C-alpha atoms as a PDB file:
ATOM      1  CA  MET A   1      48.266  65.272-114.410  1.00  0.00           C
ATOM      2  CA  ARG A   2      49.220  65.815-111.085  1.00  0.00           C
ATOM      3  CA  ILE A   3      51.727  63.274-109.722  1.00  0.00           C
ATOM      4  CA  LEU A   4      51.047  62.612-106.052  1.00  0.00           C
ATOM      5  CA  SER A   5      54.756  62.594-103.802  1.00  0.00           C
ATOM      6  CA  ALA A   6      55.326  59.104-101.951  1.00  0.00           C
ATOM      7  CA  ALA A   7      54.386  60.730 -98.697  1.00  0.00           C
ATOM      8  CA  ALA A   8      51.232  62.493-100.635  1.00  0.00           C
ATOM      9  CA  LEU A   9      50.040  59.294-101.305  1.00  0.00           C
ATOM     10  CA  LEU A  10      50.177  57.553 -97.993  1.00  0.00           C
ATOM     11  CA  LEU A  11      48.485  60.346 -96.795  1.00  0.00           C
ATOM     12  CA  LEU A  12      45.642  60.034 -98.739  1.00  0.00           C
ATOM     13  CA  LEU A  13      45.494  56.486 -97.792  1.00  0.00           C
ATOM     14  CA  LEU A  14      45.332  57.454 -94.414  1.00  0.00           C
ATOM     15  CA  SER A  15      42.595  60.208 -94.895  1.00  0.00           C
ATOM     16  CA  ALA A  16      40.016  57.301 -96.066  1.00  0.00           C
ATOM     17  CA  THR A  17      39.716  56.658 -92.400  1.00  0.00           C
ATOM     18  CA  PRO A  18      38.085  58.886 -89.781  1.00  0.00           C
ATOM     19  CA  ALA A  19      39.685  62.166 -89.215  1.00  0.00           C
ATOM     20  CA  SER A  20      40.695  60.273 -85.440  1.00  0.00           C
ATOM     21  CA  ALA A  21      44.218  59.127 -84.764  1.00  0.00           C
ATOM     22  CA  THR A  22      45.124  56.655 -86.424  1.00  0.00           C
ATOM     23  CA  PRO A  23      48.844  54.121 -85.316  1.00  0.00           C
ATOM     24  CA  CYS A  24      49.824  55.430 -89.016  1.00  0.00           C
ATOM     25  CA  ASP A  25      49.994  58.847 -87.892  1.00  0.00           C
ATOM     26  CA  LYS A  26      53.284  58.484 -85.475  1.00  0.00           C
ATOM     27  CA  LEU A  27      55.364  57.048 -88.508  1.00  0.00           C
ATOM     28  CA  SER A  28      58.226  58.637 -89.431  1.00  0.00           C
ATOM     29  CA  GLY A  29      58.775  59.693 -93.044  1.00  0.00           C
ATOM     30  CA  ALA A  30      61.255  56.168 -92.995  1.00  0.00           C
ATOM     31  CA  GLU A  31      58.484  53.955 -91.430  1.00  0.00           C
ATOM     32  CA  GLN A  32      56.073  55.281 -93.783  1.00  0.00           C
ATOM     33  CA  LYS A  33      57.709  54.035 -96.692  1.00  0.00           C
ATOM     34  CA  VAL A  34      58.103  50.591 -95.363  1.00  0.00           C
ATOM     35  CA  ALA A  35      54.612  50.567 -94.120  1.00  0.00           C
ATOM     36  CA  ARG A  36      53.777  51.782 -97.620  1.00  0.00           C
ATOM     37  CA  LYS A  37      54.963  48.973 -99.610  1.00  0.00           C
ATOM     38  CA  LEU A  38      52.916  46.384 -97.578  1.00  0.00           C
ATOM     39  CA  PHE A  39      50.168  48.261 -98.164  1.00  0.00           C
ATOM     40  CA  LYS A  40      51.051  47.350-101.751  1.00  0.00           C
ATOM     41  CA  GLY A  41      51.454  43.791-101.033  1.00  0.00           C
ATOM     42  CA  VAL A  42      48.837  42.721 -98.690  1.00  0.00           C
ATOM     43  CA  HIS A  43      46.029  41.480 -99.709  1.00  0.00           C
ATOM     44  CA  PRO A  44      42.506  41.645 -97.219  1.00  0.00           C
ATOM     45  CA  HIS A  45      41.390  38.121 -95.590  1.00  0.00           C
ATOM     46  CA  ASP A  46      38.059  39.343 -96.182  1.00  0.00           C
ATOM     47  CA  CYS A  47      35.409  42.206 -97.726  1.00  0.00           C
ATOM     48  CA  CYS A  48      38.157  43.438-100.521  1.00  0.00           C
ATOM     49  CA  ASP A  49      39.898  41.354-102.968  1.00  0.00           C
ATOM     50  CA  GLU A  50      41.898  44.410-104.209  1.00  0.00           C
ATOM     51  CA  THR A  51      45.425  45.163-102.243  1.00  0.00           C
ATOM     52  CA  LEU A  52      45.248  46.743 -99.244  1.00  0.00           C
ATOM     53  CA  ASP A  53      46.065  50.252-100.650  1.00  0.00           C
ATOM     54  CA  ARG A  54      43.367  49.895-102.736  1.00  0.00           C
ATOM     55  CA  CYS A  55      40.643  48.802-100.278  1.00  0.00           C
ATOM     56  CA  LEU A  56      41.763  52.031 -98.588  1.00  0.00           C
ATOM     57  CA  LYS A  57      40.942  54.157-101.374  1.00  0.00           C
ATOM     58  CA  ALA A  58      37.574  52.397-101.743  1.00  0.00           C
ATOM     59  CA  LYS A  59      34.419  54.393-101.952  1.00  0.00           C
ATOM     60  CA  LYS A  60      33.375  52.561 -98.944  1.00  0.00           C
ATOM     61  CA  VAL A  61      36.150  51.183 -96.855  1.00  0.00           C
ATOM     62  CA  CYS A  62      35.573  47.783 -95.109  1.00  0.00           C
ATOM     63  CA  ARG A  63      36.656  47.653 -91.377  1.00  0.00           C
ATOM     64  CA  LEU A  64      39.170  45.038 -91.080  1.00  0.00           C
ATOM     65  CA  ALA A  65      41.103  47.395 -94.215  1.00  0.00           C
ATOM     66  CA  HIS A  66      41.333  49.720 -91.058  1.00  0.00           C
ATOM     67  CA  ARG A  67      42.317  46.892 -89.005  1.00  0.00           C
ATOM     68  CA  LEU A  68      44.945  45.788 -91.072  1.00  0.00           C
ATOM     69  CA  ARG A  69      46.330  49.098 -91.837  1.00  0.00           C
ATOM     70  CA  ASP A  70      46.544  49.785 -88.420  1.00  0.00           C
ATOM     71  CA  ASP A  71      48.053  46.348 -87.494  1.00  0.00           C
ATOM     72  CA  ILE A  72      50.963  47.400 -89.866  1.00  0.00           C
ATOM     73  CA  CYS A  73      51.581  50.727 -88.817  1.00  0.00           C
ATOM     74  CA  ARG A  74      51.730  49.681 -85.004  1.00  0.00           C
ATOM     75  CA  ARG A  75      53.979  46.837 -85.826  1.00  0.00           C
ATOM     76  CA  THR A  76      56.418  49.261 -88.115  1.00  0.00           C
ATOM     77  CA  LYS A  77      56.680  51.668 -85.407  1.00  0.00           C
ATOM     78  CA  LYS A  78      57.706  49.077 -83.276  1.00  0.00           C
ATOM     79  CA  GLY A  79      60.596  47.929 -85.885  1.00  0.00           C
ATOM     80  CA  GLU A  80      59.353  44.442 -86.683  1.00  0.00           C
ATOM     81  CA  GLU A  81      60.852  43.696 -90.386  1.00  0.00           C
ATOM     82  CA  PRO A  82      58.919  43.390 -93.648  1.00  0.00           C
ATOM     83  CA  LYS A  83      59.024  39.651 -93.237  1.00  0.00           C
ATOM     84  CA  GLN A  84      58.149  39.590 -89.722  1.00  0.00           C
ATOM     85  CA  ILE A  85      54.855  41.789 -90.227  1.00  0.00           C
ATOM     86  CA  LYS A  86      53.807  39.324 -93.159  1.00  0.00           C
ATOM     87  CA  ALA A  87      54.537  36.575 -90.541  1.00  0.00           C
ATOM     88  CA  ALA A  88      52.380  37.998 -88.136  1.00  0.00           C
ATOM     89  CA  LEU A  89      49.549  38.536 -90.509  1.00  0.00           C
ATOM     90  CA  ALA A  90      50.175  34.984 -92.214  1.00  0.00           C
ATOM     91  CA  ARG A  91      48.804  33.858 -88.227  1.00  0.00           C
ATOM     92  CA  ARG A  92      45.931  35.920 -88.021  1.00  0.00           C
ATOM     93  CA  VAL A  93      44.792  34.866 -91.551  1.00  0.00           C
ATOM     94  CA  LYS A  94      45.274  31.513 -90.081  1.00  0.00           C
ATOM     95  CA  SER A  95      43.338  31.767 -87.203  1.00  0.00           C
ATOM     96  CA  MET A  96      40.395  33.692 -88.645  1.00  0.00           C
ATOM     97  CA  VAL A  97      39.807  31.746 -91.559  1.00  0.00           C
ATOM     98  CA  ASN A  98      40.933  27.784 -90.657  1.00  0.00           C
ATOM     99  CA  LEU A  99      38.159  26.201 -92.796  1.00  0.00           C
ATOM    100  CA  GLY A 100      39.193  22.592 -90.840  1.00  0.00           C
ATOM    101  CA  LYS A 101      37.164  21.193 -88.486  1.00  0.00           C
ATOM    102  CA  ARG A 102      36.491  23.742 -85.531  1.00  0.00           C
ATOM    103  CA  ALA A 103      36.817  22.599 -82.132  1.00  0.00           C
ATOM    104  CA  ARG A 104      34.311  20.723 -79.786  1.00  0.00           C
ATOM    105  CA  PHE A 105      34.286  22.032 -76.136  1.00  0.00           C
ATOM    106  CA  SER A 106      32.019  20.660 -72.975  1.00  0.00           C
ATOM    107  CA  LEU A 107      31.020  23.462 -71.904  1.00  0.00           C
ATOM    108  CA  LYS A 108      27.595  22.585 -70.240  1.00  0.00           C
ATOM    109  CA  GLY A 109      27.046  24.272 -66.680  1.00  0.00           C
ATOM    110  CA  LEU A 110      29.652  26.016 -67.384  1.00  0.00           C
ATOM    111  CA  HIS A 111      29.748  30.178 -66.337  1.00  0.00           C
ATOM    112  CA  PRO A 112      31.790  32.521 -68.917  1.00  0.00           C
ATOM    113  CA  ALA A 113      33.248  35.278 -67.892  1.00  0.00           C
ATOM    114  CA  GLY A 114      31.252  38.184 -70.271  1.00  0.00           C
ATOM    115  CA  ASN A 115      28.105  37.971 -72.041  1.00  0.00           C
ATOM    116  CA  PRO A 116      27.357  34.623 -71.997  1.00  0.00           C
ATOM    117  CA  ASP A 117      25.161  35.597 -75.160  1.00  0.00           C
ATOM    118  CA  GLY A 118      27.942  37.361 -76.868  1.00  0.00           C
ATOM    119  CA  PRO A 119      28.478  36.799 -80.694  1.00  0.00           C
ATOM    120  CA  VAL A 120      31.742  35.154 -80.148  1.00  0.00           C
ATOM    121  CA  GLN A 121      33.247  32.087 -77.957  1.00  0.00           C
ATOM    122  CA  VAL A 122      36.397  32.333 -76.932  1.00  0.00           C
ATOM    123  CA  ILE A 123      37.647  29.592 -75.100  1.00  0.00           C
ATOM    124  CA  VAL A 124      41.493  29.623 -72.955  1.00  0.00           C
ATOM    125  CA  TYR A 125      42.987  26.748 -71.886  1.00  0.00           C
ATOM    126  CA  ALA A 126      45.617  27.304 -68.726  1.00  0.00           C
ATOM    127  CA  CYS A 127      47.726  26.279 -65.965  1.00  0.00           C
ATOM    128  CA  ALA A 128      48.172  27.283 -62.686  1.00  0.00           C
ATOM    129  CA  ARG A 129      51.528  27.577 -62.781  1.00  0.00           C
ATOM    130  CA  CYS A 130      51.966  28.613 -66.106  1.00  0.00           C
ATOM    131  CA  PRO A 131      53.857  32.330 -66.183  1.00  0.00           C
ATOM    132  CA  TYR A 132      52.077  33.302 -69.488  1.00  0.00           C
ATOM    133  CA  CYS A 133      48.537  32.569 -68.039  1.00  0.00           C
ATOM    134  CA  ARG A 134      48.985  34.443 -65.325  1.00  0.00           C
ATOM    135  CA  LYS A 135      49.223  37.301 -67.768  1.00  0.00           C
ATOM    136  CA  VAL A 136      47.265  36.721 -70.525  1.00  0.00           C
ATOM    137  CA  VAL A 137      44.073  35.601 -68.697  1.00  0.00           C
ATOM    138  CA  PRO A 138      43.499  38.140 -66.180  1.00  0.00           C
ATOM    139  CA  GLU A 139      44.232  40.653 -69.344  1.00  0.00           C
ATOM    140  CA  LEU A 140      41.456  38.295 -71.528  1.00  0.00           C
ATOM    141  CA  TYR A 141      39.010  38.688 -68.624  1.00  0.00           C
ATOM    142  CA  ASN A 142      39.518  42.236 -67.975  1.00  0.00           C
ATOM    143  CA  LEU A 143      39.026  42.968 -71.830  1.00  0.00           C
ATOM    144  CA  VAL A 144      35.470  41.073 -72.156  1.00  0.00           C
ATOM    145  CA  THR A 145      34.228  42.253 -69.292  1.00  0.00           C
ATOM    146  CA  SER A 146      35.416  45.709 -68.462  1.00  0.00           C
ATOM    147  CA  GLY A 147      37.422  46.830 -71.211  1.00  0.00           C
ATOM    148  CA  PRO A 148      36.900  47.246 -75.327  1.00  0.00           C
ATOM    149  CA  LEU A 149      35.064  43.860 -75.605  1.00  0.00           C
ATOM    150  CA  LYS A 150      32.512  44.170 -72.929  1.00  0.00           C
ATOM    151  CA  GLY A 151      28.982  42.698 -73.981  1.00  0.00           C
ATOM    152  CA  GLN A 152      30.616  40.923 -77.223  1.00  0.00           C
ATOM    153  CA  ILE A 153      32.218  38.051 -75.601  1.00  0.00           C
ATOM    154  CA  ALA A 154      31.831  34.771 -74.172  1.00  0.00           C
ATOM    155  CA  LEU A 155      35.191  34.121 -72.047  1.00  0.00           C
ATOM    156  CA  TYR A 156      35.605  30.155 -70.918  1.00  0.00           C
ATOM    157  CA  PHE A 157      38.197  28.672 -68.639  1.00  0.00           C
ATOM    158  CA  ARG A 158      39.597  25.385 -69.269  1.00  0.00           C
ATOM    159  CA  PRO A 159      42.401  23.618 -66.662  1.00  0.00           C
ATOM    160  CA  PHE A 160      45.273  22.335 -68.707  1.00  0.00           C
ATOM    161  CA  PRO A 161      48.121  21.412 -66.174  1.00  0.00           C
ATOM    162  CA  ILE A 162      51.071  21.027 -68.059  1.00  0.00           C
ATOM    163  CA  ARG A 163      53.518  18.471 -66.697  1.00  0.00           C
ATOM    164  CA  GLY A 164      56.857  19.303 -65.679  1.00  0.00           C
ATOM    165  CA  HIS A 165      55.207  22.886 -63.901  1.00  0.00           C
ATOM    166  CA  ALA A 166      55.445  22.147 -60.119  1.00  0.00           C
ATOM    167  CA  GLY A 167      51.906  21.986 -58.300  1.00  0.00           C
ATOM    168  CA  SER A 168      50.255  22.377 -61.677  1.00  0.00           C
ATOM    169  CA  VAL A 169      47.845  19.227 -60.903  1.00  0.00           C
ATOM    170  CA  GLU A 170      47.156  20.760 -57.517  1.00  0.00           C
ATOM    171  CA  GLY A 171      46.536  24.045 -59.303  1.00  0.00           C
ATOM    172  CA  GLY A 172      43.930  22.580 -62.076  1.00  0.00           C
ATOM    173  CA  LEU A 173      42.366  20.252 -59.270  1.00  0.00           C
ATOM    174  CA  GLY A 174      41.287  23.867 -57.075  1.00  0.00           C
ATOM    175  CA  PHE A 175      39.604  25.321 -60.674  1.00  0.00           C
ATOM    176  CA  ILE A 176      37.989  22.231 -61.040  1.00  0.00           C
ATOM    177  CA  VAL A 177      36.467  22.921 -57.204  1.00  0.00           C
ATOM    178  CA  ALA A 178      35.856  26.112 -57.772  1.00  0.00           C
ATOM    179  CA  GLN A 179      34.195  25.715 -60.693  1.00  0.00           C
ATOM    180  CA  SER A 180      31.643  23.048 -58.694  1.00  0.00           C
ATOM    181  CA  TRP A 181      30.953  26.093 -56.795  1.00  0.00           C
ATOM    182  CA  SER A 182      30.100  28.868 -59.733  1.00  0.00           C
ATOM    183  CA  LYS A 183      33.212  30.352 -58.208  1.00  0.00           C
ATOM    184  CA  LEU A 184      35.394  29.603 -61.514  1.00  0.00           C
ATOM    185  CA  TRP A 185      36.702  33.119 -62.485  1.00  0.00           C
ATOM    186  CA  PRO A 186      36.700  34.935 -59.227  1.00  0.00           C
ATOM    187  CA  TYR A 187      39.173  31.882 -58.263  1.00  0.00           C
ATOM    188  CA  VAL A 188      41.170  31.913 -61.261  1.00  0.00           C
ATOM    189  CA  LEU A 189      41.893  35.383 -60.838  1.00  0.00           C
ATOM    190  CA  GLU A 190      42.639  34.999 -57.350  1.00  0.00           C
ATOM    191  CA  THR A 191      45.053  32.138 -58.078  1.00  0.00           C
ATOM    192  CA  TYR A 192      47.159  34.251 -60.524  1.00  0.00           C
ATOM    193  CA  LYS A 193      47.317  37.476 -58.422  1.00  0.00           C
ATOM    194  CA  GLY A 194      48.890  34.762 -55.930  1.00  0.00           C
ATOM    195  CA  PHE A 195      51.111  33.358 -58.373  1.00  0.00           C
ATOM    196  CA  ASP A 196      54.282  34.306 -56.632  1.00  0.00           C
ATOM    197  CA  HIS A 197      53.456  33.137 -53.396  1.00  0.00           C
ATOM    198  CA  PHE A 198      51.459  29.174 -54.975  1.00  0.00           C
ATOM    199  CA  SER A 199      51.576  26.578 -52.230  1.00  0.00           C
ATOM    200  CA  ALA A 200      48.759  23.509 -51.782  1.00  0.00           C
ATOM    201  CA  ALA A 201      48.282  24.930 -48.764  1.00  0.00           C
ATOM    202  CA  ALA A 202      47.525  28.347 -50.348  1.00  0.00           C
ATOM    203  CA  LEU A 203      44.543  27.050 -52.505  1.00  0.00           C
ATOM    204  CA  PRO A 204      42.175  27.057 -49.754  1.00  0.00           C
ATOM    205  CA  ARG A 205      42.746  30.062 -48.599  1.00  0.00           C
ATOM    206  CA  TRP A 206      42.468  31.430 -51.915  1.00  0.00           C
ATOM    207  CA  GLY A 207      39.056  29.777 -52.508  1.00  0.00           C
ATOM    208  CA  ALA A 208      38.076  30.701 -49.191  1.00  0.00           C
ATOM    209  CA  ALA A 209      38.755  34.545 -50.805  1.00  0.00           C
ATOM    210  CA  VAL A 210      36.327  34.234 -53.039  1.00  0.00           C
ATOM    211  CA  GLY A 211      33.389  32.430 -51.047  1.00  0.00           C
ATOM    212  CA  ILE A 212      34.044  28.683 -50.760  1.00  0.00           C
ATOM    213  CA  PRO A 213      34.814  27.543 -47.584  1.00  0.00           C
ATOM    214  CA  ALA A 214      38.008  26.381 -46.684  1.00  0.00           C
ATOM    215  CA  ALA A 215      37.291  22.870 -45.205  1.00  0.00           C
ATOM    216  CA  GLU A 216      34.686  22.305 -48.145  1.00  0.00           C
ATOM    217  CA  PHE A 217      37.075  23.266 -50.505  1.00  0.00           C
ATOM    218  CA  LYS A 218      39.857  20.812 -48.691  1.00  0.00           C
ATOM    219  CA  LYS A 219      36.979  18.196 -49.268  1.00  0.00           C
ATOM    220  CA  GLY A 220      36.734  18.731 -52.949  1.00  0.00           C
ATOM    221  CA  MET A 221      40.202  18.830 -53.980  1.00  0.00           C
ATOM    222  CA  LYS A 222      40.335  15.181 -52.137  1.00  0.00           C
ATOM    223  CA  GLU A 223      37.377  13.710 -54.300  1.00  0.00           C
ATOM    224  CA  SER A 224      37.969  11.266 -57.172  1.00  0.00           C
ATOM    225  CA  LEU A 225      35.497  13.094 -58.915  1.00  0.00           C
ATOM    226  CA  ALA A 226      37.576  16.557 -59.228  1.00  0.00           C
ATOM    227  CA  ARG A 227      40.384  14.756 -60.358  1.00  0.00           C
ATOM    228  CA  SER A 228      38.428  12.533 -63.268  1.00  0.00           C
ATOM    229  CA  ILE A 229      36.920  16.436 -64.707  1.00  0.00           C
ATOM    230  CA  LEU A 230      40.293  17.699 -64.505  1.00  0.00           C
ATOM    231  CA  VAL A 231      41.592  14.370 -66.827  1.00  0.00           C
ATOM    232  CA  ALA A 232      38.728  14.545 -69.066  1.00  0.00           C
ATOM    233  CA  THR A 233      39.235  18.345 -69.438  1.00  0.00           C
ATOM    234  CA  LYS A 234      42.662  17.882 -70.487  1.00  0.00           C
ATOM    235  CA  LYS A 235      42.027  14.996 -72.436  1.00  0.00           C
ATOM    236  CA  GLU A 236      39.389  17.582 -74.484  1.00  0.00           C
ATOM    237  CA  GLY A 237      42.285  19.950 -74.899  1.00  0.00           C
ATOM    238  CA  LEU A 238      44.615  16.941 -76.144  1.00  0.00           C
ATOM    239  CA  ARG A 239      41.892  16.571 -78.707  1.00  0.00           C
ATOM    240  CA  ASN A 240      41.812  20.117 -79.657  1.00  0.00           C
ATOM    241  CA  GLY A 241      45.222  20.144 -80.382  1.00  0.00           C
ATOM    242  CA  VAL A 242      46.596  21.801 -77.263  1.00  0.00           C
ATOM    243  CA  ASP A 243      49.833  21.352 -76.785  1.00  0.00           C
ATOM    244  CA  ALA A 244      50.844  24.366 -74.429  1.00  0.00           C
ATOM    245  CA  THR A 245      49.474  27.162 -72.685  1.00  0.00           C
ATOM    246  CA  PRO A 246      47.744  29.502 -73.000  1.00  0.00           C
ATOM    247  CA  THR A 247      45.925  28.030 -76.087  1.00  0.00           C
ATOM    248  CA  ILE A 248      43.027  29.993 -77.196  1.00  0.00           C
ATOM    249  CA  PHE A 249      39.957  29.165 -79.521  1.00  0.00           C
ATOM    250  CA  ILE A 250      38.260  31.903 -81.043  1.00  0.00           C
ATOM    251  CA  ASN A 251      34.722  30.511 -82.461  1.00  0.00           C
ATOM    252  CA  GLY A 252      36.070  26.777 -82.152  1.00  0.00           C
ATOM    253  CA  ARG A 253      39.439  28.009 -84.612  1.00  0.00           C
ATOM    254  CA  LYS A 254      42.573  27.764 -82.516  1.00  0.00           C
ATOM    255  CA  TYR A 255      44.524  31.338 -82.511  1.00  0.00           C
ATOM    256  CA  TYR A 256      47.870  31.449 -83.521  1.00  0.00           C
ATOM    257  CA  GLY A 257      48.443  34.884 -82.843  1.00  0.00           C
ATOM    258  CA  GLU A 258      50.413  37.460 -80.456  1.00  0.00           C
ATOM    259  CA  LEU A 259      49.143  37.492 -76.683  1.00  0.00           C
ATOM    260  CA  GLU A 260      49.559  41.090 -76.226  1.00  0.00           C
ATOM    261  CA  ARG A 261      46.709  42.564 -74.869  1.00  0.00           C
ATOM    262  CA  GLU A 262      46.634  44.920 -78.143  1.00  0.00           C
ATOM    263  CA  VAL A 263      46.960  42.366 -80.630  1.00  0.00           C
ATOM    264  CA  LEU A 264      43.959  39.971 -79.139  1.00  0.00           C
ATOM    265  CA  ALA A 265      41.436  42.972 -79.033  1.00  0.00           C
ATOM    266  CA  ASP A 266      41.959  43.856 -82.275  1.00  0.00           C
ATOM    267  CA  VAL A 267      41.574  40.218 -83.668  1.00  0.00           C
ATOM    268  CA  LEU A 268      38.634  39.778 -81.042  1.00  0.00           C
ATOM    269  CA  GLY A 269      37.361  42.825 -82.525  1.00  0.00           C
ATOM    270  CA  GLU A 270      37.473  41.522 -85.765  1.00  0.00           C
ATOM    271  CA  ALA A 271      36.365  38.011 -84.704  1.00  0.00           C
ATOM    272  CA  VAL A 272      33.151  40.605 -83.600  1.00  0.00           C
ATOM    273  CA  ASP A 273      32.892  42.413 -86.733  1.00  0.00           C
ATOM    274  CA  ARG A 274      32.777  39.002 -88.904  1.00  0.00           C
ATOM    275  CA  ALA A 275      29.767  37.740 -86.686  1.00  0.00           C
ATOM    276  CA  GLU A 276      27.236  40.702 -86.044  1.00  0.00           C
ATOM    277  CA  LYS A 277      28.348  41.271 -90.379  1.00  0.00           C
ATOM    278  CA  ARG A 278      29.712  44.556 -89.521  1.00  0.00           C
ATOM    279  CA  ILE A 279      31.735  44.997 -92.719  1.00  0.00           C
ATOM    280  CA  TYR A 280      31.656  48.918 -93.442  1.00  0.00           C
ATOM    281  CA  GLU A 281      32.435  51.350 -91.046  1.00  0.00           C
END
């Protein structure tokens, strides 16, 4: 009986996928050993009850097995230790199959980015003065409007001012005014584009840039209704367990993973697969 070498075995596992290049193709010999050991110790959280290496050798390989394989290889190539990779995979499981009560949101009358009828609903709580939000929120927007998730996600923005961030309340009120004009997403992008030049005086200018008359914007900022809506939105976030920004929810489940574009695209792609019952390639 022929005995396969370790390298040949890894190549066999990788050959279970289409011929297109995968992150695993970029691994060195030493990195292949790390990935192979993880394949033998990881169980997909859906679609296959075996270890990942066995799932990849099945007659029909499920999409999640491919995603986890690629995730492991990407992380291995980045130099993450096996312990780190296992912890990241555990956070992914917690984000995708949390069986607890799902978060609830007040979204009536709001306009999402992406596809309002998409199979996956994503909520992002964000602060106008959060430097991480500045990067993550526009990336999420691009993913669902023009990137690989176009047409598949309904992305909602919920203002969540963070105490201690100077200008966060004023920034949050600006979001509420833009929301009342059905200009929330254009205004969100304008606000994060001008992040380094933030001031209360800049807000009406940013509003005008997206089609809200500056005088009307200033008036809206002063109205008690805007403040009450902002308070209600923050209370909603607190009820849902938000304690930092950005915080993301995927179909009502809190997301615990990394916020890099590549990771978000993969996890949201998994959520779409699940929602549309696309199990196999």
